[in-house]
Amino acid sequence: MELKAWEYDEFPAFDEAVEGATWLDTTGDEIGASYIPNVEYECIDGVSRVLQILIPTSRHAKAPRPGQRPASRHYPCIVYVQGSAWMQQNVYANLPCIVRLCSYGFVVAVVQYRDSSITSFPAPVQDARNAIRFMRTHADEYAVDPTRMAVMGDSSGGHTAVYAGIMHDDDTPANLFPGVSAEVSCIVNFYGSTDLTFDDSNPSTPNHNLPDSPEGMEMGKINLREDRAARELLSVRCNIDEATQIAPVLTFHGTKDRTVNTRCSTLLHQRLQETGHASTLYLLRGADHGGPEFWTPQVLDIVSAFVHKHVG
């Protein structure tokens, strides 16, 4: 065989008979993922925030290489907000599960937000929306169809994802990409901490709503037990009415969630429905706060069908 830089189509396939070998057919459309780590999407007051970008790839649709190889195919994009009780995130911890979304034909961008040790609410929501704008602005670079965007998150990231769907700040200084929309076609909420108004909304947090609690710190280290207005501002359900513009919401929550009370999601679902907004709720019997139950083929099939339906 001649030694040269072979093109795939001209390279001769091995076809010799091999005793005992089993031959398996491939199509070239089997999907893997390309990982681009730590892509800066914003820098505010000297604080850099980054994305972990996962791109579907196959023999027929290779991932782009910025400056070298353009994307051969563009995909819908899910901007995923990793939960952390609004504290410093480990944005790498859940990547082995999140990457499974690529096999359903999604680019996924995992958001690092400004946590409560840096600043307070609504910074994570603003960051998520700027991440959406960044992915739109750099759509060709990361194989994204900018007209087909969704936002998703878990725990405090689920709270951030739903809030990002109702905080329309495109025409404010919070928008770091003037003229670029942060609107999405749908929202996926995994066990989001969306309601702080009842006493056991975080059943395993003894200091619930106190200044040193995760939610108290997120609101500027204030006592949410005494400041009802601040508690309701942080609670997504309290900020939704008939006039609210929000994309369809899909929620999953475990029935034995010891960290975020399942009622957070049931109350949000009820509020969305009673105000005329599209909401779908799945309750996972026996599931705790996250875990493999939320990344099964059954759940991901539902997520994929929902997102594909709404992004077109």
C-alpha atoms as a PDB file:
ATOM      1  CA  MET A   1       0.000   0.000   0.000  1.00  0.00           C
ATOM      2  CA  GLU A   2       1.304   3.432  -0.921  1.00  0.00           C
ATOM      3  CA  LEU A   3       2.173   5.680   2.036  1.00  0.00           C
ATOM      4  CA  LYS A   4       0.494   9.078   1.639  1.00  0.00           C
ATOM      5  CA  ALA A   5      -2.180  11.331   3.152  1.00  0.00           C
ATOM      6  CA  TRP A   6      -5.134   9.213   2.133  1.00  0.00           C
ATOM      7  CA  GLU A   7      -8.637  10.619   1.732  1.00  0.00           C
ATOM      8  CA  TYR A   8     -11.223   8.447   3.453  1.00  0.00           C
ATOM      9  CA  ASP A   9     -13.184   7.673   0.276  1.00  0.00           C
ATOM     10  CA  GLU A  10     -10.132   6.494  -1.637  1.00  0.00           C
ATOM     11  CA  PHE A  11      -8.549   4.448   1.147  1.00  0.00           C
ATOM     12  CA  PRO A  12      -8.944   0.700   0.396  1.00  0.00           C
ATOM     13  CA  ALA A  13     -10.923  -1.188   3.004  1.00  0.00           C
ATOM     14  CA  PHE A  14      -9.444  -4.313   4.556  1.00  0.00           C
ATOM     15  CA  ASP A  15     -11.358  -7.249   3.120  1.00  0.00           C
ATOM     16  CA  GLU A  16      -9.140 -10.282   3.637  1.00  0.00           C
ATOM     17  CA  ALA A  17     -10.744 -13.394   5.072  1.00  0.00           C
ATOM     18  CA  VAL A  18      -9.782 -13.862   8.728  1.00  0.00           C
ATOM     19  CA  GLU A  19     -10.651 -17.133  10.413  1.00  0.00           C
ATOM     20  CA  GLY A  20     -12.704 -16.629  13.580  1.00  0.00           C
ATOM     21  CA  ALA A  21     -13.303 -12.893  13.021  1.00  0.00           C
ATOM     22  CA  THR A  22     -16.788 -11.447  13.274  1.00  0.00           C
ATOM     23  CA  TRP A  23     -17.600  -8.565  10.923  1.00  0.00           C
ATOM     24  CA  LEU A  24     -19.873  -5.736  12.118  1.00  0.00           C
ATOM     25  CA  ASP A  25     -21.387  -3.164   9.789  1.00  0.00           C
ATOM     26  CA  THR A  26     -21.142   0.571  10.464  1.00  0.00           C
ATOM     27  CA  THR A  27     -22.966   3.468   8.838  1.00  0.00           C
ATOM     28  CA  GLY A  28     -20.774   6.453   9.665  1.00  0.00           C
ATOM     29  CA  ASP A  29     -23.677   8.060  11.522  1.00  0.00           C
ATOM     30  CA  GLU A  30     -22.841   6.542  14.917  1.00  0.00           C
ATOM     31  CA  ILE A  31     -22.605   9.531  17.283  1.00  0.00           C
ATOM     32  CA  GLY A  32     -19.811  10.289  19.686  1.00  0.00           C
ATOM     33  CA  ALA A  33     -18.811  13.590  21.240  1.00  0.00           C
ATOM     34  CA  SER A  34     -16.033  16.126  20.981  1.00  0.00           C
ATOM     35  CA  TYR A  35     -15.170  18.023  24.168  1.00  0.00           C
ATOM     36  CA  ILE A  36     -13.908  21.612  24.187  1.00  0.00           C
ATOM     37  CA  PRO A  37     -13.041  22.597  27.778  1.00  0.00           C
ATOM     38  CA  ASN A  38     -13.061  25.957  29.542  1.00  0.00           C
ATOM     39  CA  VAL A  39     -14.255  28.321  26.817  1.00  0.00           C
ATOM     40  CA  GLU A  40     -14.562  31.825  28.283  1.00  0.00           C
ATOM     41  CA  TYR A  41     -17.941  33.360  27.528  1.00  0.00           C
ATOM     42  CA  GLU A  42     -17.813  36.385  29.824  1.00  0.00           C
ATOM     43  CA  CYS A  43     -15.511  38.348  32.097  1.00  0.00           C
ATOM     44  CA  ILE A  44     -17.224  40.708  34.551  1.00  0.00           C
ATOM     45  CA  ASP A  45     -15.233  42.803  37.032  1.00  0.00           C
ATOM     46  CA  GLY A  46     -12.225  40.605  36.401  1.00  0.00           C
ATOM     47  CA  VAL A  47     -14.192  37.385  37.025  1.00  0.00           C
ATOM     48  CA  SER A  48     -13.943  35.016  34.069  1.00  0.00           C
ATOM     49  CA  ARG A  49     -16.668  32.437  33.529  1.00  0.00           C
ATOM     50  CA  VAL A  50     -16.321  29.479  31.181  1.00  0.00           C
ATOM     51  CA  LEU A  51     -18.290  26.845  29.312  1.00  0.00           C
ATOM     52  CA  GLN A  52     -17.670  23.142  28.838  1.00  0.00           C
ATOM     53  CA  ILE A  53     -18.805  22.529  25.254  1.00  0.00           C
ATOM     54  CA  LEU A  54     -19.798  19.068  24.013  1.00  0.00           C
ATOM     55  CA  ILE A  55     -20.405  18.599  20.278  1.00  0.00           C
ATOM     56  CA  PRO A  56     -21.883  15.539  18.540  1.00  0.00           C
ATOM     57  CA  THR A  57     -19.457  13.963  16.121  1.00  0.00           C
ATOM     58  CA  SER A  58     -19.500  11.064  13.717  1.00  0.00           C
ATOM     59  CA  ARG A  59     -17.602   9.840  10.678  1.00  0.00           C
ATOM     60  CA  HIS A  60     -20.015  11.764   8.448  1.00  0.00           C
ATOM     61  CA  ALA A  61     -20.311  14.834  10.685  1.00  0.00           C
ATOM     62  CA  LYS A  62     -16.966  15.704  12.184  1.00  0.00           C
ATOM     63  CA  ALA A  63     -16.726  18.234  14.978  1.00  0.00           C
ATOM     64  CA  PRO A  64     -15.427  21.657  13.933  1.00  0.00           C
ATOM     65  CA  ARG A  65     -11.896  22.784  14.691  1.00  0.00           C
ATOM     66  CA  PRO A  66     -11.862  26.566  15.217  1.00  0.00           C
ATOM     67  CA  GLY A  67      -9.713  28.166  12.554  1.00  0.00           C
ATOM     68  CA  GLN A  68      -9.080  24.851  10.806  1.00  0.00           C
ATOM     69  CA  ARG A  69     -12.223  22.897   9.979  1.00  0.00           C
ATOM     70  CA  PRO A  70     -15.765  24.326   9.832  1.00  0.00           C
ATOM     71  CA  ALA A  71     -18.734  22.405  11.147  1.00  0.00           C
ATOM     72  CA  SER A  72     -20.180  19.987   8.580  1.00  0.00           C
ATOM     73  CA  ARG A  73     -23.511  19.941  10.412  1.00  0.00           C
ATOM     74  CA  HIS A  74     -25.309  22.245  12.848  1.00  0.00           C
ATOM     75  CA  TYR A  75     -27.308  20.993  15.836  1.00  0.00           C
ATOM     76  CA  PRO A  76     -29.806  22.352  18.344  1.00  0.00           C
ATOM     77  CA  CYS A  77     -28.044  23.599  21.470  1.00  0.00           C
ATOM     78  CA  ILE A  78     -28.835  22.947  25.124  1.00  0.00           C
ATOM     79  CA  VAL A  79     -27.241  25.416  27.517  1.00  0.00           C
ATOM     80  CA  TYR A  80     -26.940  23.384  30.738  1.00  0.00           C
ATOM     81  CA  VAL A  81     -26.616  25.031  34.163  1.00  0.00           C
ATOM     82  CA  GLN A  82     -24.790  22.801  36.645  1.00  0.00           C
ATOM     83  CA  GLY A  83     -26.281  22.980  40.130  1.00  0.00           C
ATOM     84  CA  SER A  84     -24.266  23.796  43.251  1.00  0.00           C
ATOM     85  CA  ALA A  85     -26.649  25.354  45.807  1.00  0.00           C
ATOM     86  CA  TRP A  86     -25.582  28.611  44.120  1.00  0.00           C
ATOM     87  CA  MET A  87     -22.091  28.058  45.554  1.00  0.00           C
ATOM     88  CA  GLN A  88     -18.893  27.279  43.648  1.00  0.00           C
ATOM     89  CA  GLN A  89     -19.646  24.666  40.993  1.00  0.00           C
ATOM     90  CA  ASN A  90     -17.801  21.564  39.956  1.00  0.00           C
ATOM     91  CA  VAL A  91     -18.731  21.886  36.293  1.00  0.00           C
ATOM     92  CA  TYR A  92     -16.834  18.690  35.422  1.00  0.00           C
ATOM     93  CA  ALA A  93     -18.487  16.300  37.894  1.00  0.00           C
ATOM     94  CA  ASN A  94     -21.591  15.511  35.841  1.00  0.00           C
ATOM     95  CA  LEU A  95     -20.061  15.619  32.353  1.00  0.00           C
ATOM     96  CA  PRO A  96     -20.075  11.794  32.007  1.00  0.00           C
ATOM     97  CA  CYS A  97     -23.891  11.933  32.216  1.00  0.00           C
ATOM     98  CA  ILE A  98     -24.456  15.220  30.391  1.00  0.00           C
ATOM     99  CA  VAL A  99     -22.447  14.052  27.386  1.00  0.00           C
ATOM    100  CA  ARG A 100     -25.185  11.484  26.694  1.00  0.00           C
ATOM    101  CA  LEU A 101     -27.309  14.327  25.339  1.00  0.00           C
ATOM    102  CA  CYS A 102     -24.910  14.531  22.380  1.00  0.00           C
ATOM    103  CA  SER A 103     -26.076  11.113  21.195  1.00  0.00           C
ATOM    104  CA  TYR A 104     -29.546  12.629  20.757  1.00  0.00           C
ATOM    105  CA  GLY A 105     -28.160  15.275  18.421  1.00  0.00           C
ATOM    106  CA  PHE A 106     -27.542  18.220  20.759  1.00  0.00           C
ATOM    107  CA  VAL A 107     -24.595  20.501  21.294  1.00  0.00           C
ATOM    108  CA  VAL A 108     -24.379  21.040  25.059  1.00  0.00           C
ATOM    109  CA  ALA A 109     -22.706  24.019  26.743  1.00  0.00           C
ATOM    110  CA  VAL A 110     -22.301  23.610  30.525  1.00  0.00           C
ATOM    111  CA  VAL A 111     -22.408  26.982  32.293  1.00  0.00           C
ATOM    112  CA  GLN A 112     -20.145  28.151  35.079  1.00  0.00           C
ATOM    113  CA  TYR A 113     -21.992  30.987  36.810  1.00  0.00           C
ATOM    114  CA  ARG A 114     -20.905  33.630  39.314  1.00  0.00           C
ATOM    115  CA  ASP A 115     -21.560  31.905  42.614  1.00  0.00           C
ATOM    116  CA  SER A 116     -22.738  33.356  45.907  1.00  0.00           C
ATOM    117  CA  SER A 117     -19.174  33.895  47.158  1.00  0.00           C
ATOM    118  CA  ILE A 118     -18.695  36.380  44.313  1.00  0.00           C
ATOM    119  CA  THR A 119     -22.034  38.147  43.984  1.00  0.00           C
ATOM    120  CA  SER A 120     -25.740  37.607  44.530  1.00  0.00           C
ATOM    121  CA  PHE A 121     -28.973  36.945  42.637  1.00  0.00           C
ATOM    122  CA  PRO A 122     -29.756  37.454  39.770  1.00  0.00           C
ATOM    123  CA  ALA A 123     -26.141  36.991  38.640  1.00  0.00           C
ATOM    124  CA  PRO A 124     -26.477  33.258  37.800  1.00  0.00           C
ATOM    125  CA  VAL A 125     -29.540  33.981  35.668  1.00  0.00           C
ATOM    126  CA  GLN A 126     -27.760  36.791  33.837  1.00  0.00           C
ATOM    127  CA  ASP A 127     -24.797  34.478  33.275  1.00  0.00           C
ATOM    128  CA  ALA A 128     -26.981  31.723  31.844  1.00  0.00           C
ATOM    129  CA  ARG A 129     -28.576  34.174  29.451  1.00  0.00           C
ATOM    130  CA  ASN A 130     -25.172  35.500  28.381  1.00  0.00           C
ATOM    131  CA  ALA A 131     -24.044  31.919  27.796  1.00  0.00           C
ATOM    132  CA  ILE A 132     -27.024  31.471  25.464  1.00  0.00           C
ATOM    133  CA  ARG A 133     -26.050  34.642  23.633  1.00  0.00           C
ATOM    134  CA  PHE A 134     -22.431  33.496  23.392  1.00  0.00           C
ATOM    135  CA  MET A 135     -23.451  30.205  21.802  1.00  0.00           C
ATOM    136  CA  ARG A 136     -25.620  32.082  19.316  1.00  0.00           C
ATOM    137  CA  THR A 137     -22.798  34.491  18.506  1.00  0.00           C
ATOM    138  CA  HIS A 138     -20.331  31.610  17.989  1.00  0.00           C
ATOM    139  CA  ALA A 139     -22.807  29.226  16.387  1.00  0.00           C
ATOM    140  CA  ASP A 140     -20.667  28.275  13.378  1.00  0.00           C
ATOM    141  CA  GLU A 141     -17.607  27.775  15.552  1.00  0.00           C
ATOM    142  CA  TYR A 142     -19.373  25.200  17.731  1.00  0.00           C
ATOM    143  CA  ALA A 143     -21.738  23.550  15.210  1.00  0.00           C
ATOM    144  CA  VAL A 144     -24.851  25.222  16.656  1.00  0.00           C
ATOM    145  CA  ASP A 145     -28.083  26.118  14.902  1.00  0.00           C
ATOM    146  CA  PRO A 146     -28.722  29.510  16.574  1.00  0.00           C
ATOM    147  CA  THR A 147     -32.461  29.309  15.890  1.00  0.00           C
ATOM    148  CA  ARG A 148     -32.805  26.118  17.955  1.00  0.00           C
ATOM    149  CA  MET A 149     -31.869  26.834  21.573  1.00  0.00           C
ATOM    150  CA  ALA A 150     -32.958  25.340  24.905  1.00  0.00           C
ATOM    151  CA  VAL A 151     -31.874  25.827  28.506  1.00  0.00           C
ATOM    152  CA  MET A 152     -31.612  23.072  31.105  1.00  0.00           C
ATOM    153  CA  GLY A 153     -30.286  22.709  34.636  1.00  0.00           C
ATOM    154  CA  ASP A 154     -30.350  20.728  37.852  1.00  0.00           C
ATOM    155  CA  SER A 155     -30.984  21.837  41.456  1.00  0.00           C
ATOM    156  CA  SER A 156     -29.885  25.503  41.731  1.00  0.00           C
ATOM    157  CA  GLY A 157     -29.140  25.156  38.024  1.00  0.00           C
ATOM    158  CA  GLY A 158     -32.751  24.107  37.454  1.00  0.00           C
ATOM    159  CA  HIS A 159     -33.833  27.246  39.329  1.00  0.00           C
ATOM    160  CA  THR A 160     -31.481  29.278  37.139  1.00  0.00           C
ATOM    161  CA  ALA A 161     -32.707  27.643  33.936  1.00  0.00           C
ATOM    162  CA  VAL A 162     -36.388  28.340  34.664  1.00  0.00           C
ATOM    163  CA  TYR A 163     -35.636  31.874  35.825  1.00  0.00           C
ATOM    164  CA  ALA A 164     -33.622  32.453  32.645  1.00  0.00           C
ATOM    165  CA  GLY A 165     -36.855  31.802  30.784  1.00  0.00           C
ATOM    166  CA  ILE A 166     -38.726  34.631  32.519  1.00  0.00           C
ATOM    167  CA  MET A 167     -36.010  37.268  32.996  1.00  0.00           C
ATOM    168  CA  HIS A 168     -36.056  39.068  29.667  1.00  0.00           C
ATOM    169  CA  ASP A 169     -33.033  41.359  29.964  1.00  0.00           C
ATOM    170  CA  ASP A 170     -31.979  41.671  26.317  1.00  0.00           C
ATOM    171  CA  ASP A 171     -32.287  45.467  26.422  1.00  0.00           C
ATOM    172  CA  THR A 172     -30.400  45.992  29.694  1.00  0.00           C
ATOM    173  CA  PRO A 173     -26.713  46.416  30.579  1.00  0.00           C
ATOM    174  CA  ALA A 174     -26.727  42.783  31.765  1.00  0.00           C
ATOM    175  CA  ASN A 175     -26.662  41.772  28.093  1.00  0.00           C
ATOM    176  CA  LEU A 176     -22.984  41.472  27.173  1.00  0.00           C
ATOM    177  CA  PHE A 177     -23.883  40.773  23.542  1.00  0.00           C
ATOM    178  CA  PRO A 178     -26.057  43.721  22.450  1.00  0.00           C
ATOM    179  CA  GLY A 179     -28.543  42.800  19.763  1.00  0.00           C
ATOM    180  CA  VAL A 180     -28.274  39.070  20.472  1.00  0.00           C
ATOM    181  CA  SER A 181     -31.324  37.367  21.994  1.00  0.00           C
ATOM    182  CA  ALA A 182     -31.170  35.033  24.981  1.00  0.00           C
ATOM    183  CA  GLU A 183     -34.656  33.615  24.385  1.00  0.00           C
ATOM    184  CA  VAL A 184     -35.075  29.849  24.151  1.00  0.00           C
ATOM    185  CA  SER A 185     -37.685  27.497  22.728  1.00  0.00           C
ATOM    186  CA  CYS A 186     -38.032  25.347  25.846  1.00  0.00           C
ATOM    187  CA  ILE A 187     -36.755  24.738  29.385  1.00  0.00           C
ATOM    188  CA  VAL A 188     -35.809  21.476  31.130  1.00  0.00           C
ATOM    189  CA  ASN A 189     -35.762  21.551  34.924  1.00  0.00           C
ATOM    190  CA  PHE A 190     -34.180  18.719  36.921  1.00  0.00           C
ATOM    191  CA  TYR A 191     -35.321  18.997  40.576  1.00  0.00           C
ATOM    192  CA  GLY A 192     -34.830  22.766  40.655  1.00  0.00           C
ATOM    193  CA  SER A 193     -34.814  24.668  43.941  1.00  0.00           C
ATOM    194  CA  THR A 194     -37.569  26.902  42.616  1.00  0.00           C
ATOM    195  CA  ASP A 195     -39.545  27.704  45.786  1.00  0.00           C
ATOM    196  CA  LEU A 196     -38.268  28.971  49.141  1.00  0.00           C
ATOM    197  CA  THR A 197     -41.625  30.036  50.566  1.00  0.00           C
ATOM    198  CA  PHE A 198     -42.451  27.042  52.769  1.00  0.00           C
ATOM    199  CA  ASP A 199     -40.565  25.888  55.859  1.00  0.00           C
ATOM    200  CA  ASP A 200     -39.347  22.515  54.589  1.00  0.00           C
ATOM    201  CA  SER A 201     -38.592  23.441  50.991  1.00  0.00           C
ATOM    202  CA  ASN A 202     -35.039  22.246  51.741  1.00  0.00           C
ATOM    203  CA  PRO A 203     -35.734  19.374  54.176  1.00  0.00           C
ATOM    204  CA  SER A 204     -32.123  18.647  55.156  1.00  0.00           C
ATOM    205  CA  THR A 205     -31.005  22.266  55.635  1.00  0.00           C
ATOM    206  CA  PRO A 206     -31.333  23.139  59.360  1.00  0.00           C
ATOM    207  CA  ASN A 207     -30.432  26.779  58.676  1.00  0.00           C
ATOM    208  CA  HIS A 208     -32.982  27.014  55.877  1.00  0.00           C
ATOM    209  CA  ASN A 209     -33.586  30.654  54.830  1.00  0.00           C
ATOM    210  CA  LEU A 210     -31.103  32.022  57.382  1.00  0.00           C
ATOM    211  CA  PRO A 211     -28.271  34.343  56.227  1.00  0.00           C
ATOM    212  CA  ASP A 212     -25.688  31.519  56.150  1.00  0.00           C
ATOM    213  CA  SER A 213     -27.938  29.093  54.243  1.00  0.00           C
ATOM    214  CA  PRO A 214     -27.333  28.578  50.513  1.00  0.00           C
ATOM    215  CA  GLU A 215     -30.431  30.607  49.654  1.00  0.00           C
ATOM    216  CA  GLY A 216     -29.633  33.307  52.222  1.00  0.00           C
ATOM    217  CA  MET A 217     -26.120  33.657  50.818  1.00  0.00           C
ATOM    218  CA  GLU A 218     -27.478  33.812  47.277  1.00  0.00           C
ATOM    219  CA  MET A 219     -29.630  36.780  48.266  1.00  0.00           C
ATOM    220  CA  GLY A 220     -26.720  38.660  49.816  1.00  0.00           C
ATOM    221  CA  LYS A 221     -26.426  36.931  53.216  1.00  0.00           C
ATOM    222  CA  ILE A 222     -29.811  38.114  54.420  1.00  0.00           C
ATOM    223  CA  ASN A 223     -32.377  36.486  56.682  1.00  0.00           C
ATOM    224  CA  LEU A 224     -35.065  35.245  54.333  1.00  0.00           C
ATOM    225  CA  ARG A 225     -37.254  34.202  57.247  1.00  0.00           C
ATOM    226  CA  GLU A 226     -37.660  37.887  58.051  1.00  0.00           C
ATOM    227  CA  ASP A 227     -37.518  39.258  54.484  1.00  0.00           C
ATOM    228  CA  ARG A 228     -40.553  37.779  52.755  1.00  0.00           C
ATOM    229  CA  ALA A 229     -40.120  39.978  49.661  1.00  0.00           C
ATOM    230  CA  ALA A 230     -36.585  38.672  49.063  1.00  0.00           C
ATOM    231  CA  ARG A 231     -37.736  35.090  49.642  1.00  0.00           C
ATOM    232  CA  GLU A 232     -40.487  35.501  47.069  1.00  0.00           C
ATOM    233  CA  LEU A 233     -38.125  37.206  44.611  1.00  0.00           C
ATOM    234  CA  LEU A 234     -35.879  34.141  44.665  1.00  0.00           C
ATOM    235  CA  SER A 235     -38.876  31.784  44.322  1.00  0.00           C
ATOM    236  CA  VAL A 236     -39.674  31.287  40.641  1.00  0.00           C
ATOM    237  CA  ARG A 237     -43.325  30.413  41.260  1.00  0.00           C
ATOM    238  CA  CYS A 238     -43.971  33.806  42.854  1.00  0.00           C
ATOM    239  CA  ASN A 239     -42.803  35.595  39.707  1.00  0.00           C
ATOM    240  CA  ILE A 240     -45.097  33.921  37.199  1.00  0.00           C
ATOM    241  CA  ASP A 241     -48.503  35.227  36.207  1.00  0.00           C
ATOM    242  CA  GLU A 242     -50.708  35.229  33.121  1.00  0.00           C
ATOM    243  CA  ALA A 243     -48.604  37.954  31.462  1.00  0.00           C
ATOM    244  CA  THR A 244     -45.287  36.160  31.958  1.00  0.00           C
ATOM    245  CA  GLN A 245     -43.483  35.213  28.769  1.00  0.00           C
ATOM    246  CA  ILE A 246     -41.989  31.764  29.286  1.00  0.00           C
ATOM    247  CA  ALA A 247     -41.227  28.849  26.992  1.00  0.00           C
ATOM    248  CA  PRO A 248     -42.696  25.371  27.693  1.00  0.00           C
ATOM    249  CA  VAL A 249     -41.207  23.756  30.797  1.00  0.00           C
ATOM    250  CA  LEU A 250     -40.397  20.073  31.362  1.00  0.00           C
ATOM    251  CA  THR A 251     -39.669  19.095  34.983  1.00  0.00           C
ATOM    252  CA  PHE A 252     -38.341  15.921  36.607  1.00  0.00           C
ATOM    253  CA  HIS A 253     -38.208  15.454  40.386  1.00  0.00           C
ATOM    254  CA  GLY A 254     -37.609  12.500  42.694  1.00  0.00           C
ATOM    255  CA  THR A 255     -40.222  11.615  45.299  1.00  0.00           C
ATOM    256  CA  LYS A 256     -37.589  11.098  48.036  1.00  0.00           C
ATOM    257  CA  ASP A 257     -35.532  14.230  47.415  1.00  0.00           C
ATOM    258  CA  ARG A 258     -33.941  15.083  50.755  1.00  0.00           C
ATOM    259  CA  THR A 259     -32.307  18.291  49.477  1.00  0.00           C
ATOM    260  CA  VAL A 260     -35.046  20.040  47.492  1.00  0.00           C
ATOM    261  CA  ASN A 261     -38.617  19.240  48.481  1.00  0.00           C
ATOM    262  CA  THR A 262     -40.595  17.614  45.666  1.00  0.00           C
ATOM    263  CA  ARG A 263     -43.325  20.195  46.323  1.00  0.00           C
ATOM    264  CA  CYS A 264     -41.047  22.841  44.757  1.00  0.00           C
ATOM    265  CA  SER A 265     -41.673  21.233  41.387  1.00  0.00           C
ATOM    266  CA  THR A 266     -45.328  20.344  41.935  1.00  0.00           C
ATOM    267  CA  LEU A 267     -46.144  23.918  42.993  1.00  0.00           C
ATOM    268  CA  LEU A 268     -44.233  25.347  40.026  1.00  0.00           C
ATOM    269  CA  HIS A 269     -46.063  22.983  37.677  1.00  0.00           C
ATOM    270  CA  GLN A 270     -49.429  23.973  39.129  1.00  0.00           C
ATOM    271  CA  ARG A 271     -48.606  27.678  38.906  1.00  0.00           C
ATOM    272  CA  LEU A 272     -47.551  27.389  35.276  1.00  0.00           C
ATOM    273  CA  GLN A 273     -50.707  25.516  34.383  1.00  0.00           C
ATOM    274  CA  GLU A 274     -53.093  27.823  36.228  1.00  0.00           C
ATOM    275  CA  THR A 275     -51.545  30.865  34.515  1.00  0.00           C
ATOM    276  CA  GLY A 276     -51.925  29.333  31.057  1.00  0.00           C
ATOM    277  CA  HIS A 277     -48.344  28.195  30.422  1.00  0.00           C
ATOM    278  CA  ALA A 278     -47.183  24.853  29.065  1.00  0.00           C
ATOM    279  CA  SER A 279     -45.771  22.586  31.774  1.00  0.00           C
ATOM    280  CA  THR A 280     -45.028  18.869  31.898  1.00  0.00           C
ATOM    281  CA  LEU A 281     -44.053  17.154  35.157  1.00  0.00           C
ATOM    282  CA  TYR A 282     -42.528  13.710  35.732  1.00  0.00           C
ATOM    283  CA  LEU A 283     -42.122  12.381  39.289  1.00  0.00           C
ATOM    284  CA  LEU A 284     -39.525   9.639  39.695  1.00  0.00           C
ATOM    285  CA  ARG A 285     -40.646   7.213  42.398  1.00  0.00           C
ATOM    286  CA  GLY A 286     -37.963   6.693  45.025  1.00  0.00           C
ATOM    287  CA  ALA A 287     -35.384   8.986  43.409  1.00  0.00           C
ATOM    288  CA  ASP A 288     -33.350  11.273  45.657  1.00  0.00           C
ATOM    289  CA  HIS A 289     -31.643  14.555  44.714  1.00  0.00           C
ATOM    290  CA  GLY A 290     -30.140  13.614  41.369  1.00  0.00           C
ATOM    291  CA  GLY A 291     -28.401  10.360  40.569  1.00  0.00           C
ATOM    292  CA  PRO A 292     -28.435   7.814  37.737  1.00  0.00           C
ATOM    293  CA  GLU A 293     -32.251   7.660  37.735  1.00  0.00           C
ATOM    294  CA  PHE A 294     -32.292  11.005  35.916  1.00  0.00           C
ATOM    295  CA  TRP A 295     -29.961   9.838  33.129  1.00  0.00           C
ATOM    296  CA  THR A 296     -31.645   6.646  32.010  1.00  0.00           C
ATOM    297  CA  PRO A 297     -32.580   6.088  28.362  1.00  0.00           C
ATOM    298  CA  GLN A 298     -36.237   6.465  29.384  1.00  0.00           C
ATOM    299  CA  VAL A 299     -35.685   9.939  30.858  1.00  0.00           C
ATOM    300  CA  LEU A 300     -33.337  11.084  28.096  1.00  0.00           C
ATOM    301  CA  ASP A 301     -35.778   9.878  25.437  1.00  0.00           C
ATOM    302  CA  ILE A 302     -38.425  12.121  27.029  1.00  0.00           C
ATOM    303  CA  VAL A 303     -36.019  15.068  27.263  1.00  0.00           C
ATOM    304  CA  SER A 304     -34.909  14.622  23.656  1.00  0.00           C
ATOM    305  CA  ALA A 305     -38.458  14.342  22.299  1.00  0.00           C
ATOM    306  CA  PHE A 306     -39.513  17.440  24.261  1.00  0.00           C
ATOM    307  CA  VAL A 307     -36.568  19.576  23.120  1.00  0.00           C
ATOM    308  CA  HIS A 308     -36.703  18.428  19.492  1.00  0.00           C
ATOM    309  CA  LYS A 309     -40.444  19.096  19.425  1.00  0.00           C
ATOM    310  CA  HIS A 310     -40.050  22.680  20.596  1.00  0.00           C
ATOM    311  CA  VAL A 311     -36.859  23.708  18.821  1.00  0.00           C
ATOM    312  CA  GLY A 312     -38.236  22.342  15.555  1.00  0.00           C
END
